[in-house]
Amino acid sequence: MDVENQETHEYISHIGEFRPYWRDIILGVNDGLVSIFLLVVGVVGGGFDTAQVLLTAVAGALAGAVSMAAGEYLATKSQDEILEAELALERTHIIHFKDQELEQLRGFFTDMGVGEADLNGVIAGFENNDEAILNAMAALEFGVVESERRSPRLAMAASGLLFLVGSLPSVVPFILIDSTGTALIWATALSLTGLFLVGVVKARVAKSHWLQSGFENMAIAGVGGVIAWAIGNAIGATLG
């Protein structure tokens, strides 16, 4: 084959050690952007003045950050504890029922496409290595490898702190600007820009279409903002 006609590929590195926390990063900042923006739009639509909107937004941002942080900590810790219990049981199975575990491992490798002619050699590599069996079963039966396990504390910090960061575009304009209408315009512009950028970053990491992802993320919040305004306005008019 002509070397000039061979397709060349650039080696692209994986995301790395922060991969397990991308969910917390994206969810935290995106939730902060969307939820506080919709809260602000709703209360402005309901007739709140600038000071009332600011108080509501700050309270919402703090409550949301604590809720996100606590939720991620408890969920991640519970998941980790369940996994540890399952691995402890798996160790017992390996000690007392190794043949069954090896047979189960054989089934996993068969499902992965390992040919029958190669299976005996593959399984032979595990027969006298209980730790290798445990690691293989953790990945194939429970879907977990050590490098992908998340620290509850890091998950908590990422989601909680980034929620606060995401809330800033909706909070800061009401600190700096006296006019509620003008502050809302700035909050809308900054929040939608932030949402677009989050969509772009997410697409870059996922190696998908960045423009579509950015506009999609922005459009969802935009539609939500219209609904929040309408509801806030209706409630405000009802309450007088």
Foldseek 3Di string as FASTA:
>chain_A
DDPVPDDDDDDDDAPPLCVLQVVLQLQQLLCLLQVLLLLLLLQVLLPDFLVVSLVRSVVVLLVQLQVQLVVLLVVLVVVVVVLVVVLVVVLVCCVPPVVVLLVVLLVLVVVVPDDPVCSVVVSVVCPPPSVVSSQSCCCRVVVDHPSNRDNSNVSSCSNSVSSSVNNCLLNVLSVVDRGSVVSSVSSLVVSLVVQLVSQQVVCVNVVHDSNVSSVVSSVVSVVSSVVSSVNSNVVSVVVD
